[in-house]
């Protein structure tokens, strides 16, 4: 049975996900993601004029020092369908041995996954309770 999950999305990734340039999400597997589930990704912030597009974590101090919050109802939303769920034991070997593309992971570029893991987790491998989700944007 298909489930709809509502999740936050770092605003810097809104356009790359929307355009298909980022066809994956790295997520804690807190809701047992399944193929064909839908995720409503909500971008909860809007950049201030001087935000340079880097992660809001580097700027946010609670009072818009580079990032402003908005209400959930105002948040940009992308609906994506899960095409594949990839677990750490399936991907960590390829991540540590510098494989770039693998037919095992569809349209996902492992170099892009490495970048997300380094920036958000300061790691080279997918954490134990996380998954990589291959996603496809649904028609609006």
N, C-alpha and C. Protein backbone atom coordinates (compact mmCIF):
# COMPACT_ATOMS: atom_id res chain seq x y z
N UNK A 1 0.84 -1.18 0.00
CA UNK A 1 0.00 0.00 0.00
C UNK A 1 0.88 1.25 0.00
N UNK A 2 0.62 2.16 -0.89
CA UNK A 2 1.38 3.39 -1.04
C UNK A 2 1.09 4.34 0.13
N UNK A 3 2.16 4.96 0.65
CA UNK A 3 2.04 5.91 1.75
C UNK A 3 2.56 7.26 1.29
N UNK A 4 1.96 8.34 1.80
CA UNK A 4 2.45 9.70 1.53
C UNK A 4 3.18 10.18 2.78
N UNK A 5 4.46 10.55 2.61
CA UNK A 5 5.28 11.05 3.71
C UNK A 5 5.48 12.54 3.52
N UNK A 6 5.39 13.31 4.59
CA UNK A 6 5.63 14.76 4.53
C UNK A 6 6.95 15.03 5.22
N UNK A 7 7.90 15.60 4.46
CA UNK A 7 9.25 15.82 4.98
C UNK A 7 9.75 17.21 4.60
N UNK A 8 10.70 17.70 5.36
CA UNK A 8 11.35 18.98 5.07
C UNK A 8 12.43 18.78 4.02
N UNK A 9 12.70 19.86 3.29
CA UNK A 9 13.75 19.85 2.26
C UNK A 9 14.56 21.13 2.42
N UNK A 10 15.86 21.00 2.53
CA UNK A 10 16.75 22.16 2.58
C UNK A 10 16.51 22.96 1.30
N UNK A 11 16.20 24.25 1.43
CA UNK A 11 15.80 25.07 0.30
C UNK A 11 16.82 25.06 -0.84
N UNK A 12 18.10 24.90 -0.51
CA UNK A 12 19.13 24.89 -1.56
C UNK A 12 18.95 23.73 -2.53
N UNK A 13 18.23 22.68 -2.11
CA UNK A 13 18.03 21.52 -2.96
C UNK A 13 16.71 21.55 -3.71
N UNK A 14 15.91 22.59 -3.50
CA UNK A 14 14.59 22.63 -4.13
C UNK A 14 14.70 22.56 -5.65
N UNK A 15 15.44 23.47 -6.25
CA UNK A 15 15.56 23.49 -7.72
C UNK A 15 16.24 22.23 -8.27
N UNK A 16 17.35 21.76 -7.67
CA UNK A 16 17.96 20.53 -8.20
C UNK A 16 17.01 19.33 -8.15
N UNK A 17 16.19 19.23 -7.12
CA UNK A 17 15.22 18.12 -7.06
C UNK A 17 14.12 18.36 -8.08
N UNK A 18 13.59 19.58 -8.12
CA UNK A 18 12.48 19.90 -9.02
C UNK A 18 12.85 19.66 -10.49
N UNK A 19 14.09 19.98 -10.86
CA UNK A 19 14.51 19.83 -12.26
C UNK A 19 15.04 18.43 -12.58
N UNK A 20 15.17 17.59 -11.56
CA UNK A 20 15.68 16.24 -11.78
C UNK A 20 17.19 16.12 -11.74
N UNK A 21 17.89 17.22 -11.48
CA UNK A 21 19.35 17.18 -11.39
C UNK A 21 19.81 16.43 -10.15
N UNK A 22 18.97 16.38 -9.14
CA UNK A 22 19.26 15.62 -7.91
C UNK A 22 18.16 14.56 -7.77
N UNK A 23 18.35 13.39 -8.38
CA UNK A 23 17.30 12.37 -8.39
C UNK A 23 17.35 11.44 -7.18
N UNK A 24 17.79 11.97 -6.04
CA UNK A 24 17.87 11.13 -4.84
C UNK A 24 17.70 11.98 -3.59
N UNK A 25 17.37 11.31 -2.51
CA UNK A 25 17.32 11.91 -1.19
C UNK A 25 18.03 10.97 -0.24
N UNK A 26 18.81 11.52 0.68
CA UNK A 26 19.40 10.75 1.77
C UNK A 26 18.54 11.03 2.99
N UNK A 27 17.93 9.99 3.53
CA UNK A 27 16.96 10.16 4.62
C UNK A 27 17.16 9.12 5.71
N UNK A 28 16.88 9.52 6.95
CA UNK A 28 16.80 8.53 8.01
C UNK A 28 15.57 7.68 7.69
N UNK A 29 15.70 6.39 7.86
CA UNK A 29 14.60 5.50 7.51
C UNK A 29 13.65 5.36 8.70
N UNK A 30 13.05 6.47 9.07
CA UNK A 30 12.17 6.52 10.25
C UNK A 30 10.72 6.18 9.93
N UNK A 31 10.43 5.93 8.68
CA UNK A 31 9.03 5.63 8.32
C UNK A 31 8.94 4.49 7.31
N UNK A 32 9.95 3.63 7.29
CA UNK A 32 9.94 2.43 6.46
C UNK A 32 9.55 2.74 5.01
N UNK A 33 10.37 3.56 4.36
CA UNK A 33 10.12 3.93 2.96
C UNK A 33 10.01 2.70 2.08
N UNK A 34 9.07 2.76 1.13
CA UNK A 34 8.86 1.67 0.19
C UNK A 34 8.80 2.22 -1.23
N UNK A 35 9.15 1.38 -2.20
CA UNK A 35 9.02 1.75 -3.61
C UNK A 35 7.55 2.10 -3.86
N UNK A 36 7.31 3.15 -4.63
CA UNK A 36 6.00 3.70 -5.00
C UNK A 36 5.39 4.61 -3.93
N UNK A 37 6.02 4.73 -2.75
CA UNK A 37 5.55 5.72 -1.78
C UNK A 37 5.77 7.11 -2.38
N UNK A 38 5.03 8.08 -1.87
CA UNK A 38 5.15 9.48 -2.29
C UNK A 38 5.74 10.27 -1.13
N UNK A 39 6.64 11.20 -1.45
CA UNK A 39 7.15 12.12 -0.44
C UNK A 39 6.79 13.53 -0.86
N UNK A 40 6.15 14.26 0.03
CA UNK A 40 5.92 15.70 -0.17
C UNK A 40 7.07 16.41 0.51
N UNK A 41 7.98 16.94 -0.30
CA UNK A 41 9.15 17.64 0.21
C UNK A 41 8.83 19.12 0.31
N UNK A 42 8.89 19.65 1.53
CA UNK A 42 8.55 21.05 1.76
C UNK A 42 9.80 21.84 2.12
N UNK A 43 10.08 22.86 1.34
CA UNK A 43 11.19 23.77 1.62
C UNK A 43 10.68 24.79 2.63
N UNK A 44 11.21 24.76 3.83
CA UNK A 44 10.69 25.60 4.91
C UNK A 44 11.36 26.95 5.04
N UNK A 45 12.17 27.37 4.11
CA UNK A 45 12.82 28.66 4.24
C UNK A 45 12.98 29.35 2.92
N UNK A 46 13.28 30.63 2.99
CA UNK A 46 13.57 31.41 1.79
C UNK A 46 14.84 32.20 2.06
N UNK A 47 15.70 32.24 1.08
CA UNK A 47 16.98 32.94 1.28
C UNK A 47 16.79 34.44 1.43
N UNK A 48 17.61 35.01 2.29
CA UNK A 48 17.70 36.47 2.36
C UNK A 48 18.56 36.94 1.19
N UNK A 49 18.61 38.23 0.95
CA UNK A 49 19.33 38.77 -0.20
C UNK A 49 20.81 38.40 -0.20
N UNK A 50 21.40 38.26 0.97
CA UNK A 50 22.83 38.00 1.02
C UNK A 50 23.19 36.54 1.20
N UNK A 51 22.23 35.66 1.16
CA UNK A 51 22.51 34.22 1.25
C UNK A 51 23.22 33.78 -0.03
N UNK A 52 24.32 33.05 0.10
CA UNK A 52 25.08 32.67 -1.09
C UNK A 52 24.74 31.27 -1.59
N UNK A 53 23.67 30.68 -1.10
CA UNK A 53 23.23 29.39 -1.61
C UNK A 53 23.80 28.20 -0.87
N UNK A 54 24.67 28.43 0.10
CA UNK A 54 25.21 27.32 0.87
C UNK A 54 24.18 26.89 1.91
N UNK A 55 24.47 25.80 2.57
CA UNK A 55 23.53 25.23 3.53
C UNK A 55 23.12 26.24 4.58
N UNK A 56 21.82 26.26 4.90
CA UNK A 56 21.32 27.17 5.92
C UNK A 56 21.96 26.90 7.27
N UNK A 57 22.46 25.71 7.50
CA UNK A 57 23.06 25.38 8.79
C UNK A 57 24.25 26.27 9.09
N UNK A 58 24.87 26.79 8.06
CA UNK A 58 26.05 27.63 8.24
C UNK A 58 25.66 29.08 8.58
N UNK A 59 24.39 29.43 8.42
CA UNK A 59 23.98 30.81 8.58
C UNK A 59 22.92 31.03 9.65
N UNK A 60 22.09 30.05 9.89
CA UNK A 60 20.93 30.27 10.74
C UNK A 60 21.33 30.40 12.20
N UNK A 61 20.90 31.48 12.84
CA UNK A 61 21.16 31.67 14.27
C UNK A 61 19.87 32.00 15.00
N UNK A 62 18.73 31.80 14.36
CA UNK A 62 17.46 32.03 15.02
C UNK A 62 16.80 33.34 14.63
N UNK A 63 17.54 34.25 14.02
CA UNK A 63 16.95 35.55 13.68
C UNK A 63 17.42 36.04 12.31
N UNK A 64 17.37 35.17 11.35
CA UNK A 64 17.71 35.48 9.96
C UNK A 64 19.10 36.08 9.79
N UNK A 65 20.09 35.29 10.04
CA UNK A 65 21.45 35.71 9.70
C UNK A 65 21.83 35.00 8.40
N UNK A 66 20.94 35.05 7.43
CA UNK A 66 21.19 34.42 6.14
C UNK A 66 20.08 33.49 5.75
N UNK A 67 19.09 33.27 6.60
CA UNK A 67 18.02 32.32 6.31
C UNK A 67 16.77 32.77 7.05
N UNK A 68 15.64 32.77 6.37
CA UNK A 68 14.39 33.12 7.02
C UNK A 68 13.45 31.94 6.96
N UNK A 69 12.72 31.74 8.02
CA UNK A 69 11.71 30.68 8.04
C UNK A 69 10.42 31.18 7.43
N UNK A 70 9.57 30.27 7.00
CA UNK A 70 8.24 30.62 6.55
C UNK A 70 7.27 29.60 7.12
N UNK A 71 5.98 29.90 7.05
CA UNK A 71 4.97 28.97 7.53
C UNK A 71 4.89 27.77 6.59
N UNK A 72 4.49 26.63 7.13
CA UNK A 72 4.39 25.41 6.33
C UNK A 72 3.49 25.62 5.12
N UNK A 73 2.40 26.35 5.29
CA UNK A 73 1.47 26.58 4.18
C UNK A 73 2.09 27.41 3.06
N UNK A 74 3.14 28.17 3.38
CA UNK A 74 3.81 29.00 2.38
C UNK A 74 4.99 28.28 1.72
N UNK A 75 5.36 27.14 2.25
CA UNK A 75 6.55 26.44 1.78
C UNK A 75 6.36 25.89 0.37
N UNK A 76 7.40 26.02 -0.44
CA UNK A 76 7.40 25.39 -1.76
C UNK A 76 7.32 23.88 -1.53
N UNK A 77 6.55 23.17 -2.36
CA UNK A 77 6.36 21.73 -2.18
C UNK A 77 6.60 20.99 -3.48
N UNK A 78 7.34 19.91 -3.38
CA UNK A 78 7.58 19.02 -4.51
C UNK A 78 7.07 17.64 -4.11
N UNK A 79 6.30 17.02 -4.98
CA UNK A 79 5.86 15.64 -4.74
C UNK A 79 6.74 14.72 -5.58
N UNK A 80 7.36 13.76 -4.92
CA UNK A 80 8.22 12.81 -5.61
C UNK A 80 7.77 11.38 -5.30
N UNK A 81 8.04 10.51 -6.26
CA UNK A 81 7.73 9.09 -6.10
C UNK A 81 9.05 8.35 -5.85
N UNK A 82 9.03 7.41 -4.93
CA UNK A 82 10.22 6.61 -4.64
C UNK A 82 10.31 5.48 -5.67
N UNK A 83 11.43 5.46 -6.40
CA UNK A 83 11.67 4.43 -7.41
C UNK A 83 12.50 3.27 -6.85
N UNK A 84 13.34 3.59 -5.87
CA UNK A 84 14.24 2.57 -5.33
C UNK A 84 14.66 2.99 -3.92
N UNK A 85 14.78 2.03 -3.02
CA UNK A 85 15.28 2.27 -1.67
C UNK A 85 16.61 1.53 -1.56
N UNK A 86 17.67 2.27 -1.25
CA UNK A 86 19.01 1.70 -1.19
C UNK A 86 19.52 1.78 0.25
N UNK A 87 19.88 0.63 0.80
CA UNK A 87 20.32 0.52 2.18
C UNK A 87 21.85 0.59 2.27
N UNK A 88 22.38 0.92 3.47
CA UNK A 88 23.84 1.06 3.60
C UNK A 88 24.63 -0.14 3.08
N UNK A 89 24.19 -1.35 3.37
CA UNK A 89 24.95 -2.53 2.93
C UNK A 89 24.99 -2.66 1.41
N UNK A 90 24.05 -2.00 0.72
CA UNK A 90 24.01 -2.06 -0.74
C UNK A 90 24.90 -1.02 -1.40
N UNK A 91 25.20 0.08 -0.69
CA UNK A 91 25.87 1.21 -1.34
C UNK A 91 27.22 1.57 -0.73
N UNK A 92 27.47 1.22 0.53
CA UNK A 92 28.68 1.71 1.19
C UNK A 92 29.98 1.22 0.54
N UNK A 93 30.02 0.01 0.01
CA UNK A 93 31.23 -0.46 -0.66
C UNK A 93 31.55 0.44 -1.85
N UNK A 94 30.55 0.72 -2.69
CA UNK A 94 30.78 1.56 -3.87
C UNK A 94 31.15 2.98 -3.48
N UNK A 95 30.60 3.48 -2.38
CA UNK A 95 30.94 4.83 -1.92
C UNK A 95 32.40 4.93 -1.50
N UNK A 96 32.91 3.90 -0.84
CA UNK A 96 34.29 3.94 -0.35
C UNK A 96 35.32 3.53 -1.40
N UNK A 97 34.88 2.93 -2.50
CA UNK A 97 35.81 2.51 -3.56
C UNK A 97 35.70 3.39 -4.81
N UNK A 98 35.11 4.54 -4.65
CA UNK A 98 35.05 5.59 -5.66
C UNK A 98 34.42 5.19 -6.98
N UNK A 99 33.43 4.33 -6.91
CA UNK A 99 32.60 4.07 -8.08
C UNK A 99 31.77 5.33 -8.33
N UNK A 100 31.63 5.77 -9.56
CA UNK A 100 30.87 6.98 -9.87
C UNK A 100 29.45 6.64 -10.29
N UNK A 101 29.30 5.80 -11.28
CA UNK A 101 27.99 5.39 -11.76
C UNK A 101 27.89 3.88 -11.72
N UNK A 102 26.74 3.39 -11.34
CA UNK A 102 26.53 1.94 -11.30
C UNK A 102 25.10 1.67 -11.72
N UNK A 103 24.91 0.68 -12.57
CA UNK A 103 23.55 0.35 -13.00
C UNK A 103 22.70 -0.10 -11.81
N UNK A 104 23.34 -0.45 -10.71
CA UNK A 104 22.61 -0.87 -9.51
C UNK A 104 21.84 0.29 -8.87
N UNK A 105 22.23 1.52 -9.17
CA UNK A 105 21.65 2.68 -8.50
C UNK A 105 20.91 3.63 -9.45
N UNK A 106 20.48 3.15 -10.58
CA UNK A 106 19.67 3.95 -11.49
C UNK A 106 20.36 5.22 -11.92
N UNK A 107 19.66 6.35 -11.82
CA UNK A 107 20.18 7.65 -12.27
C UNK A 107 21.03 8.34 -11.23
N UNK A 108 21.28 7.70 -10.11
CA UNK A 108 22.00 8.33 -9.01
C UNK A 108 23.50 8.35 -9.30
N UNK A 109 24.10 9.54 -9.22
CA UNK A 109 25.54 9.71 -9.35
C UNK A 109 26.13 9.60 -7.95
N UNK A 110 26.98 8.61 -7.73
CA UNK A 110 27.52 8.38 -6.40
C UNK A 110 28.42 9.52 -5.93
N UNK A 111 29.00 10.27 -6.86
CA UNK A 111 29.77 11.45 -6.48
C UNK A 111 28.88 12.48 -5.79
N UNK A 112 27.64 12.62 -6.27
CA UNK A 112 26.70 13.55 -5.64
C UNK A 112 26.27 13.05 -4.26
N UNK A 113 26.12 11.74 -4.11
CA UNK A 113 25.78 11.17 -2.80
C UNK A 113 26.93 11.42 -1.83
N UNK A 114 28.17 11.21 -2.29
CA UNK A 114 29.34 11.46 -1.43
C UNK A 114 29.36 12.90 -0.93
N UNK A 115 29.03 13.84 -1.84
CA UNK A 115 29.04 15.26 -1.47
C UNK A 115 28.02 15.54 -0.37
N UNK A 116 26.82 15.00 -0.49
CA UNK A 116 25.79 15.19 0.53
C UNK A 116 26.25 14.57 1.86
N UNK A 117 26.79 13.37 1.81
CA UNK A 117 27.24 12.71 3.03
C UNK A 117 28.35 13.50 3.72
N UNK A 118 29.26 14.05 2.92
CA UNK A 118 30.35 14.84 3.50
C UNK A 118 29.84 16.13 4.12
N UNK A 119 28.96 16.85 3.40
CA UNK A 119 28.46 18.13 3.89
C UNK A 119 27.55 18.01 5.10
N UNK A 120 26.69 17.01 5.12
CA UNK A 120 25.68 16.90 6.18
C UNK A 120 26.08 15.99 7.33
N UNK A 121 26.89 14.98 7.05
CA UNK A 121 27.21 13.99 8.08
C UNK A 121 28.70 13.91 8.39
N UNK A 122 29.52 14.60 7.59
CA UNK A 122 30.97 14.51 7.70
C UNK A 122 31.42 13.05 7.69
N UNK A 123 30.86 12.29 6.76
CA UNK A 123 31.11 10.86 6.62
C UNK A 123 31.35 10.49 5.17
N UNK A 124 31.95 9.33 4.98
CA UNK A 124 32.15 8.79 3.63
C UNK A 124 31.14 7.71 3.29
N UNK A 125 30.42 7.24 4.30
CA UNK A 125 29.46 6.16 4.08
C UNK A 125 28.09 6.55 4.63
N UNK A 126 27.09 5.84 4.18
CA UNK A 126 25.72 6.07 4.62
C UNK A 126 25.56 5.56 6.06
N UNK A 127 25.07 6.41 6.97
CA UNK A 127 24.87 5.95 8.36
C UNK A 127 23.90 4.77 8.43
N UNK A 128 24.04 3.99 9.47
CA UNK A 128 23.32 2.73 9.64
C UNK A 128 21.80 2.84 9.46
N UNK A 129 21.16 3.82 10.02
CA UNK A 129 19.70 3.93 9.98
C UNK A 129 19.18 4.77 8.82
N UNK A 130 20.02 5.07 7.85
CA UNK A 130 19.65 5.92 6.72
C UNK A 130 19.51 5.10 5.45
N UNK A 131 18.83 5.70 4.47
CA UNK A 131 18.69 5.11 3.14
C UNK A 131 18.91 6.20 2.10
N UNK A 132 19.28 5.77 0.90
CA UNK A 132 19.29 6.65 -0.26
C UNK A 132 18.04 6.28 -1.05
N UNK A 133 17.25 7.28 -1.35
CA UNK A 133 16.01 7.06 -2.11
C UNK A 133 16.19 7.59 -3.52
N UNK A 134 16.05 6.73 -4.51
CA UNK A 134 15.99 7.23 -5.89
C UNK A 134 14.58 7.76 -6.09
N UNK A 135 14.47 8.99 -6.55
CA UNK A 135 13.16 9.64 -6.64
C UNK A 135 12.92 10.18 -8.04
N UNK A 136 11.64 10.39 -8.32
CA UNK A 136 11.22 11.00 -9.59
C UNK A 136 10.14 12.01 -9.27
N UNK A 137 10.31 13.22 -9.77
CA UNK A 137 9.31 14.27 -9.54
C UNK A 137 8.01 13.90 -10.25
N UNK A 138 6.92 14.06 -9.55
CA UNK A 138 5.61 13.77 -10.11
C UNK A 138 5.06 15.01 -10.79
N UNK A 139 4.18 14.83 -11.76
CA UNK A 139 3.54 15.96 -12.41
C UNK A 139 2.78 16.77 -11.40
N UNK A 140 2.78 18.08 -11.61
CA UNK A 140 2.06 18.96 -10.67
C UNK A 140 0.59 18.96 -10.93
